Protein backbone atom coordinates (compact mmCIF):
# COMPACT_ATOMS: atom_id res chain seq x y z
CA UNK A 1 -4.57 11.02 -17.24
CA UNK A 2 -8.32 10.63 -17.70
CA UNK A 3 -10.07 9.03 -20.66
CA UNK A 4 -11.37 12.48 -21.61
CA UNK A 5 -7.82 13.83 -21.73
CA UNK A 6 -6.69 10.97 -23.96
CA UNK A 7 -9.52 11.60 -26.39
CA UNK A 8 -8.29 15.15 -26.93
CA UNK A 9 -4.99 13.91 -28.38
CA UNK A 10 -4.76 13.67 -32.17
CA UNK A 11 -2.72 10.46 -32.14
CA UNK A 12 -3.90 6.91 -31.88
CA UNK A 13 -3.88 5.58 -28.32
CA UNK A 14 -1.21 3.00 -27.44
CA UNK A 15 -3.86 0.84 -25.78
CA UNK A 16 -5.71 0.59 -29.07
CA UNK A 17 -2.59 -0.54 -30.87
CA UNK A 18 -1.84 -3.09 -28.19
CA UNK A 19 -5.26 -4.67 -28.72
CA UNK A 20 -4.90 -4.46 -32.50
CA UNK A 21 -1.48 -6.13 -32.39
CA UNK A 22 -2.93 -9.07 -30.44
CA UNK A 23 -5.47 -9.60 -33.22
CA UNK A 24 -2.87 -9.79 -36.00
CA UNK A 25 -3.12 -13.05 -38.01
CA UNK A 26 -0.53 -15.53 -36.77
CA UNK A 27 2.21 -15.75 -39.37
CA UNK A 28 5.93 -16.45 -38.91
CA UNK A 29 6.54 -12.71 -39.17
CA UNK A 30 3.85 -11.71 -36.65
CA UNK A 31 5.00 -14.41 -34.19
CA UNK A 32 8.61 -13.24 -34.25
CA UNK A 33 9.78 -11.51 -31.02
CA UNK A 34 11.08 -8.64 -33.15
CA UNK A 35 7.50 -7.82 -34.19
CA UNK A 36 6.22 -7.24 -30.65
CA UNK A 37 5.47 -3.69 -29.63
CA UNK A 38 8.47 -2.55 -27.60
CA UNK A 39 6.39 -1.34 -24.63
CA UNK A 40 4.48 -4.63 -24.57
CA UNK A 41 7.54 -6.89 -24.84
CA UNK A 42 8.58 -8.14 -21.40
CA UNK A 43 11.66 -9.95 -22.70
CA UNK A 44 12.85 -6.71 -24.29
CA UNK A 45 12.16 -4.62 -21.17
CA UNK A 46 14.16 -7.08 -19.04
CA UNK A 47 17.30 -6.82 -21.16
CA UNK A 48 20.45 -5.62 -19.43
CA UNK A 49 20.57 -2.54 -21.67
CA UNK A 50 17.09 -1.48 -20.52
CA UNK A 51 18.08 -1.04 -16.86
CA UNK A 52 17.90 2.80 -17.12
CA UNK A 53 14.33 2.48 -18.40
CA UNK A 54 13.36 0.13 -15.57
CA UNK A 55 14.86 2.52 -13.02
CA UNK A 56 12.78 5.33 -14.51
CA UNK A 57 9.62 3.23 -14.46
CA UNK A 58 10.09 2.37 -10.77
CA UNK A 59 10.55 6.04 -10.01
CA UNK A 60 7.55 7.12 -12.08
CA UNK A 61 4.89 4.56 -11.19
CA UNK A 62 4.65 5.22 -7.42
CA UNK A 63 5.20 8.95 -7.96
CA UNK A 64 2.30 9.25 -10.39
CA UNK A 65 -0.01 7.06 -8.32
CA UNK A 66 0.73 8.94 -5.10
CA UNK A 67 0.14 12.23 -6.92
CA UNK A 68 -3.20 10.91 -8.15
CA UNK A 69 -4.05 9.80 -4.60
CA UNK A 70 -3.16 13.32 -3.37
CA UNK A 71 -0.46 12.19 -0.96
CA UNK A 72 1.24 15.48 -0.16
CA UNK A 73 3.56 14.48 2.69
CA UNK A 74 4.39 11.40 4.70
CA UNK A 75 5.61 10.28 8.11
CA UNK A 76 8.13 7.49 7.61
CA UNK A 77 8.30 4.47 9.93
CA UNK A 78 11.44 2.33 9.79
CA UNK A 79 11.92 -0.70 12.03
CA UNK A 80 12.64 -4.38 12.30
CA UNK A 81 10.63 -6.99 10.44
CA UNK A 82 11.31 -9.55 13.19
CA UNK A 83 9.84 -7.60 16.09
CA UNK A 84 6.65 -9.41 17.16
CA UNK A 85 3.36 -7.96 18.24
CA UNK A 86 2.76 -8.17 22.02
CA UNK A 87 0.37 -11.09 21.60
CA UNK A 88 3.02 -13.08 19.70
CA UNK A 89 6.07 -12.26 21.80
CA UNK A 90 6.11 -15.72 23.41
CA UNK A 91 7.10 -17.15 20.02
CA UNK A 92 9.97 -14.68 19.53
CA UNK A 93 13.35 -16.21 18.69
CA UNK A 94 15.16 -14.37 21.49
CA UNK A 95 14.29 -12.73 24.78
CA UNK A 96 15.46 -9.41 23.37
CA UNK A 97 13.01 -9.64 20.49
CA UNK A 98 10.22 -10.50 22.92
CA UNK A 99 11.08 -7.40 24.94
CA UNK A 100 11.10 -5.25 21.81
CA UNK A 101 7.45 -6.15 21.20
CA UNK A 102 6.63 -3.03 23.21
CA UNK A 103 7.91 -1.04 20.25
CA UNK A 104 5.37 -2.78 18.00
CA UNK A 105 2.62 -1.46 20.27
CA UNK A 106 4.14 2.03 20.34
CA UNK A 107 4.54 2.15 16.56
CA UNK A 108 0.91 1.12 16.14
CA UNK A 109 -0.23 3.77 18.61
CA UNK A 110 1.93 6.45 16.98
CA UNK A 111 0.61 5.64 13.50
CA UNK A 112 -2.98 5.73 14.75
CA UNK A 113 -2.59 9.16 16.34
CA UNK A 114 -0.76 10.56 13.28
CA UNK A 115 -3.44 9.22 10.95
CA UNK A 116 -6.29 10.55 13.07
CA UNK A 117 -4.70 13.98 13.00
CA UNK A 118 -4.04 13.73 9.27
CA UNK A 119 -7.68 12.84 8.58
CA UNK A 120 -8.89 15.87 10.53
CA UNK A 121 -6.87 17.98 8.10
CA UNK A 122 -8.05 16.31 4.91
CA UNK A 123 -5.90 13.18 4.89
CA UNK A 124 -3.31 14.34 2.35
CA UNK A 125 -0.58 15.35 4.79
CA UNK A 126 1.45 13.08 7.09
CA UNK A 127 0.34 9.80 5.55
CA UNK A 128 2.11 6.88 7.23
CA UNK A 129 4.59 5.04 4.99
CA UNK A 130 6.38 1.81 5.89
CA UNK A 131 8.33 -0.90 4.12
CA UNK A 132 5.08 -2.83 3.85
CA UNK A 133 6.34 -5.98 5.56
CA UNK A 134 5.90 -7.57 9.01
CA UNK A 135 7.07 -6.40 12.43
CA UNK A 136 7.25 -2.66 13.02
CA UNK A 137 6.16 -2.07 9.43
CA UNK A 138 2.96 -4.00 10.03
CA UNK A 139 2.41 -2.06 13.24
CA UNK A 140 2.58 1.24 11.37
CA UNK A 141 0.10 0.24 8.69
CA UNK A 142 -2.11 -1.38 11.32
CA UNK A 143 -2.23 1.83 13.35
CA UNK A 144 -3.48 3.71 10.28
CA UNK A 145 -6.25 1.12 9.86
CA UNK A 146 -7.14 1.54 13.55
CA UNK A 147 -7.76 5.21 12.78
CA UNK A 148 -9.86 4.39 9.72
CA UNK A 149 -7.28 5.96 7.42
CA UNK A 150 -4.91 4.97 4.67
CA UNK A 151 -1.19 4.20 4.62
CA UNK A 152 1.54 3.37 2.14
CA UNK A 153 3.63 0.21 1.84
CA UNK A 154 6.89 0.15 -0.14
CA UNK A 155 7.70 -3.54 -0.49
CA UNK A 156 10.68 -5.02 -2.27
CA UNK A 157 11.24 -8.39 -3.91
CA UNK A 158 13.58 -10.49 -1.75
CA UNK A 159 15.10 -13.97 -2.28
CA UNK A 160 13.00 -15.33 0.58
CA UNK A 161 9.22 -15.10 0.63
CA UNK A 162 8.00 -11.53 0.97
CA UNK A 163 4.48 -10.21 0.78
CA UNK A 164 2.69 -7.04 1.88
CA UNK A 165 1.16 -7.06 5.32
CA UNK A 166 -2.64 -7.09 5.42
CA UNK A 167 -2.95 -3.50 6.67
CA UNK A 168 -1.42 -1.56 3.76
CA UNK A 169 -3.97 0.40 1.72
CA UNK A 170 -4.17 -1.74 -1.47
CA UNK A 171 -4.02 1.16 -3.95
CA UNK A 172 -0.96 2.53 -2.12
CA UNK A 173 0.91 -0.77 -1.96
CA UNK A 174 3.98 -0.79 -4.23
CA UNK A 175 6.65 -3.35 -5.07
CA UNK A 176 10.25 -2.60 -6.03
CA UNK A 177 13.21 -4.30 -7.63
CA UNK A 178 15.70 -1.49 -6.96
CA UNK A 179 16.57 -0.64 -3.35
CA UNK A 180 17.83 2.79 -4.43
CA UNK A 181 14.52 3.85 -5.98
CA UNK A 182 12.59 2.50 -3.00
CA UNK A 183 14.74 4.60 -0.68
CA UNK A 184 14.03 7.69 -2.76
CA UNK A 185 10.29 7.15 -2.39
CA UNK A 186 10.65 6.80 1.37
CA UNK A 187 12.14 10.28 1.61
CA UNK A 188 10.68 12.27 -1.30
CA UNK A 189 7.61 13.27 0.70
CA UNK A 190 8.97 12.77 4.23
CA UNK A 191 8.07 15.36 6.85
CA UNK A 192 9.54 13.22 9.62
CA UNK A 193 11.42 9.92 9.91
CA UNK A 194 10.67 7.71 12.91
CA UNK A 195 13.01 4.78 13.49
CA UNK A 196 12.26 1.86 15.76
CA UNK A 197 14.75 -0.89 16.70
CA UNK A 198 15.74 -3.07 13.78
CA UNK A 199 18.51 -4.83 11.92
CA UNK A 200 20.71 -4.18 8.90
CA UNK A 201 17.89 -2.75 6.77
CA UNK A 202 16.79 -0.34 9.48
CA UNK A 203 20.38 0.78 10.10
CA UNK A 204 20.97 1.24 6.39
CA UNK A 205 17.87 3.40 5.95
CA UNK A 206 18.61 5.43 9.07
CA UNK A 207 22.21 6.26 8.23
CA UNK A 208 21.39 7.06 4.61
CA UNK A 209 18.76 9.54 5.79
CA UNK A 210 21.17 11.12 8.29
CA UNK A 211 23.88 11.33 5.63
CA UNK A 212 21.55 13.08 3.18
CA UNK A 213 20.64 15.65 5.84
CA UNK A 214 24.23 16.05 7.07
CA UNK A 215 25.50 16.74 3.54
CA UNK A 216 22.68 19.11 2.66
CA UNK A 217 21.25 16.83 -0.01
CA UNK A 218 17.94 16.70 1.84
CA UNK A 219 16.02 19.28 3.82
CA UNK A 220 16.35 18.87 7.58
CA UNK A 221 13.39 16.92 8.96
CA UNK A 222 12.87 15.37 12.39
CA UNK A 223 14.70 12.05 12.72
CA UNK A 224 13.41 10.32 15.83
CA UNK A 225 14.97 7.18 17.26
CA UNK A 226 12.55 5.23 19.46
CA UNK A 227 14.25 3.49 22.37
CA UNK A 228 17.40 5.25 23.60
CA UNK A 229 18.62 2.13 25.41
CA UNK A 230 18.61 0.08 22.20
CA UNK A 231 20.26 2.74 20.06
CA UNK A 232 22.97 3.68 22.51
CA UNK A 233 23.82 0.03 22.99
CA UNK A 234 24.35 -0.71 19.29
CA UNK A 235 25.81 2.63 18.16
CA UNK A 236 28.42 4.58 20.15
CA UNK A 237 27.37 8.01 18.91
CA UNK A 238 29.68 9.85 21.31
CA UNK A 239 32.67 7.83 20.10
CA UNK A 240 32.05 9.02 16.55
CA UNK A 241 32.13 12.61 17.73
CA UNK A 242 35.20 12.12 19.92
CA UNK A 243 37.01 10.46 17.03
CA UNK A 244 36.27 13.50 14.90
CA UNK A 245 34.52 11.47 12.22
CA UNK A 246 31.36 13.50 12.80
CA UNK A 247 30.98 16.98 14.25
CA UNK A 248 29.25 17.76 17.57
CA UNK A 249 26.44 19.43 15.61
CA UNK A 250 25.73 16.15 13.81
CA UNK A 251 24.41 14.71 17.07
CA UNK A 252 21.58 17.24 16.82
CA UNK A 253 20.35 15.75 13.54
CA UNK A 254 18.33 13.18 15.49
CA UNK A 255 16.58 12.87 18.81
CA UNK A 256 15.76 9.95 21.09
CA UNK A 257 12.12 9.41 22.04
CA UNK A 258 10.29 6.72 23.97
CA UNK A 259 6.58 7.26 23.35
CA UNK A 260 4.20 8.24 20.59
CA UNK A 261 3.29 11.44 22.43
CA UNK A 262 6.93 12.41 22.82
CA UNK A 263 7.52 11.82 19.11
CA UNK A 264 4.56 13.98 18.10
CA UNK A 265 5.76 16.80 20.31
CA UNK A 266 9.24 16.55 18.78
CA UNK A 267 7.80 16.73 15.26
CA UNK A 268 5.66 19.74 16.08
CA UNK A 269 8.42 21.66 17.86
CA UNK A 270 11.34 20.74 15.60
CA UNK A 271 13.09 23.87 14.24
CA UNK A 272 11.37 24.96 11.01
CA UNK A 273 8.31 22.75 11.56
CA UNK A 274 5.96 25.39 10.14
CA UNK A 275 8.12 25.96 7.08
CA UNK A 276 8.29 22.25 6.27
CA UNK A 277 4.54 22.13 5.85
CA UNK A 278 4.95 24.42 2.82
CA UNK A 279 7.49 22.30 0.95
CA UNK A 280 8.02 18.61 0.37
CA UNK A 281 11.68 17.71 1.00
CA UNK A 282 13.77 16.19 -1.75
CA UNK A 283 11.52 17.10 -4.66
């Protein structure tokens, strides 16, 4: 809402009252926590009973800011935080992680190509979104910077030190307390979901996305798994089908890809690709 819009309203602006309240003479009554304006009282907002309000705020803040930034659709990049860039693979904890550094390079390349194409079409569609951290997430945001474009980072507060990587567009860098709301923002504008090798977090995000599509709770979008060898080693997809816990058709909900070019082709040729450009899934 612009300042001009606010001036049209007949009621006093909440910002004015916030300033006025701070200038109240300090008396026992004015210094009491009960006297604080509810929306300006952090202790009140952090009460257990206010959890529904905090959930709503975490849903609203990124939604409103992305609307204002004219982010119409996104390409989601999931992947491991521990995967090093090629120039840092010698310091990787395991040989496997060092080998997976090739996926950092491919994620960066993919994000660059996607962003270049997005910018040619106005920059509002297919904006790269990552979890905002290191590893594959950094590669995605870095690729967008390589193209001279913008990208989104959806960080979350963790017990260990966590900070946004240096390549996220600052005005599109968000921080979350609730995993559930963060996951919603990953998928609310998603036109495709690209998953690189990763750990528990990557698996969690991948299977939640597949479950939403499988159960019809989310529009079908391309789900692309980079690195068939990795994915088939850690998940026995065929065994799930043979056990009857998923149907044969569920194996068509995703596709394996190896390169950025292959992923782009899959996105462009996925069934219903033209229709998806007209609607944002999950909204």
